[in-house]
Amino acid sequence: MSEMTMDERIKRINELYHLSQKRKLTDEEKAEQSHLRWEYVNAIKKNLSSQLESITIVEPDGSKRKVTKKQ
């Protein structure tokens, strides 16, 4: 499968969902659906991480600190 945009991935995920409501998906379609969902979730996680990394917290005393990942 060629590289898809996020909108194309979402459209295809929805197409497969609607198809699954009409009939049983083939093993190939199930694998494609699973892979597309995995790509979508990972893209969302990456986007959220990027947004969180750009946040600076201003403390009441005026000091600033970056948001850090909990260990």
C-alpha atoms as a PDB file:
ATOM      1  CA  MET A   1       0.000   0.000   0.000  1.00  0.00           C
ATOM      2  CA  SER A   2       1.346   3.420  -0.879  1.00  0.00           C
ATOM      3  CA  GLU A   3       1.834   6.127   1.725  1.00  0.00           C
ATOM      4  CA  MET A   4      -1.531   7.522   2.817  1.00  0.00           C
ATOM      5  CA  THR A   5      -2.368  10.839   4.396  1.00  0.00           C
ATOM      6  CA  MET A   6      -4.036  10.814   7.795  1.00  0.00           C
ATOM      7  CA  ASP A   7      -7.362  11.799   6.206  1.00  0.00           C
ATOM      8  CA  GLU A   8      -7.074   8.891   3.759  1.00  0.00           C
ATOM      9  CA  ARG A   9      -6.282   6.500   6.622  1.00  0.00           C
ATOM     10  CA  ILE A  10      -9.316   7.662   8.600  1.00  0.00           C
ATOM     11  CA  LYS A  11     -11.527   7.375   5.524  1.00  0.00           C
ATOM     12  CA  ARG A  12     -10.299   3.818   4.884  1.00  0.00           C
ATOM     13  CA  ILE A  13     -10.728   2.838   8.561  1.00  0.00           C
ATOM     14  CA  ASN A  14     -14.317   4.083   8.360  1.00  0.00           C
ATOM     15  CA  GLU A  15     -14.918   2.268   5.063  1.00  0.00           C
ATOM     16  CA  LEU A  16     -13.721  -0.988   6.594  1.00  0.00           C
ATOM     17  CA  TYR A  17     -15.873  -0.415   9.671  1.00  0.00           C
ATOM     18  CA  HIS A  18     -18.991   0.171   7.577  1.00  0.00           C
ATOM     19  CA  LEU A  19     -18.161  -2.846   5.433  1.00  0.00           C
ATOM     20  CA  SER A  20     -17.835  -4.953   8.594  1.00  0.00           C
ATOM     21  CA  GLN A  21     -21.381  -3.925   9.534  1.00  0.00           C
ATOM     22  CA  LYS A  22     -22.648  -5.363   6.243  1.00  0.00           C
ATOM     23  CA  ARG A  23     -20.574  -8.535   6.061  1.00  0.00           C
ATOM     24  CA  LYS A  24     -17.689 -10.345   7.691  1.00  0.00           C
ATOM     25  CA  LEU A  25     -14.294  -8.866   6.763  1.00  0.00           C
ATOM     26  CA  THR A  26     -11.738 -11.069   5.052  1.00  0.00           C
ATOM     27  CA  ASP A  27      -8.508 -11.854   6.887  1.00  0.00           C
ATOM     28  CA  GLU A  28      -6.704  -9.404   4.592  1.00  0.00           C
ATOM     29  CA  GLU A  29      -9.229  -6.657   5.358  1.00  0.00           C
ATOM     30  CA  LYS A  30      -8.975  -7.346   9.091  1.00  0.00           C
ATOM     31  CA  ALA A  31      -5.175  -7.093   8.896  1.00  0.00           C
ATOM     32  CA  GLU A  32      -5.425  -3.830   6.945  1.00  0.00           C
ATOM     33  CA  GLN A  33      -7.917  -2.424   9.464  1.00  0.00           C
ATOM     34  CA  SER A  34      -5.705  -3.398  12.377  1.00  0.00           C
ATOM     35  CA  HIS A  35      -2.613  -1.882  10.753  1.00  0.00           C
ATOM     36  CA  LEU A  36      -4.397   1.366   9.867  1.00  0.00           C
ATOM     37  CA  ARG A  37      -5.748   1.694  13.408  1.00  0.00           C
ATOM     38  CA  TRP A  38      -2.253   1.071  14.810  1.00  0.00           C
ATOM     39  CA  GLU A  39      -0.809   3.794  12.529  1.00  0.00           C
ATOM     40  CA  TYR A  40      -3.587   6.186  13.520  1.00  0.00           C
ATOM     41  CA  VAL A  41      -3.134   5.653  17.272  1.00  0.00           C
ATOM     42  CA  ASN A  42       0.650   6.036  16.999  1.00  0.00           C
ATOM     43  CA  ALA A  43       0.260   9.268  15.023  1.00  0.00           C
ATOM     44  CA  ILE A  44      -2.085  10.641  17.714  1.00  0.00           C
ATOM     45  CA  LYS A  45       0.372   9.676  20.464  1.00  0.00           C
ATOM     46  CA  LYS A  46       3.274  11.297  18.606  1.00  0.00           C
ATOM     47  CA  ASN A  47       1.270  14.476  18.035  1.00  0.00           C
ATOM     48  CA  LEU A  48       0.225  14.664  21.691  1.00  0.00           C
ATOM     49  CA  SER A  49       3.822  14.095  22.858  1.00  0.00           C
ATOM     50  CA  SER A  50       5.024  16.915  20.606  1.00  0.00           C
ATOM     51  CA  GLN A  51       2.371  19.246  21.983  1.00  0.00           C
ATOM     52  CA  LEU A  52       3.228  18.385  25.584  1.00  0.00           C
ATOM     53  CA  GLU A  53       6.960  18.845  24.982  1.00  0.00           C
ATOM     54  CA  SER A  54       6.321  22.417  23.815  1.00  0.00           C
ATOM     55  CA  ILE A  55       4.474  23.403  27.013  1.00  0.00           C
ATOM     56  CA  THR A  56       6.191  25.550  29.623  1.00  0.00           C
ATOM     57  CA  ILE A  57       4.649  25.796  33.082  1.00  0.00           C
ATOM     58  CA  VAL A  58       4.910  29.137  34.867  1.00  0.00           C
ATOM     59  CA  GLU A  59       4.997  28.586  38.624  1.00  0.00           C
ATOM     60  CA  PRO A  60       3.393  31.054  41.078  1.00  0.00           C
ATOM     61  CA  ASP A  61       6.861  32.414  41.945  1.00  0.00           C
ATOM     62  CA  GLY A  62       7.436  33.274  38.258  1.00  0.00           C
ATOM     63  CA  SER A  63       9.882  30.460  37.537  1.00  0.00           C
ATOM     64  CA  LYS A  64       9.380  28.436  34.383  1.00  0.00           C
ATOM     65  CA  ARG A  65       9.825  24.729  33.719  1.00  0.00           C
ATOM     66  CA  LYS A  66       9.213  22.364  30.845  1.00  0.00           C
ATOM     67  CA  VAL A  67       6.722  19.527  31.120  1.00  0.00           C
ATOM     68  CA  THR A  68       8.654  16.312  31.654  1.00  0.00           C
ATOM     69  CA  LYS A  69       7.681  12.707  31.164  1.00  0.00           C
ATOM     70  CA  LYS A  70       7.004  10.793  34.368  1.00  0.00           C
ATOM     71  CA  GLN A  71       9.285   7.869  34.996  1.00  0.00           C
END
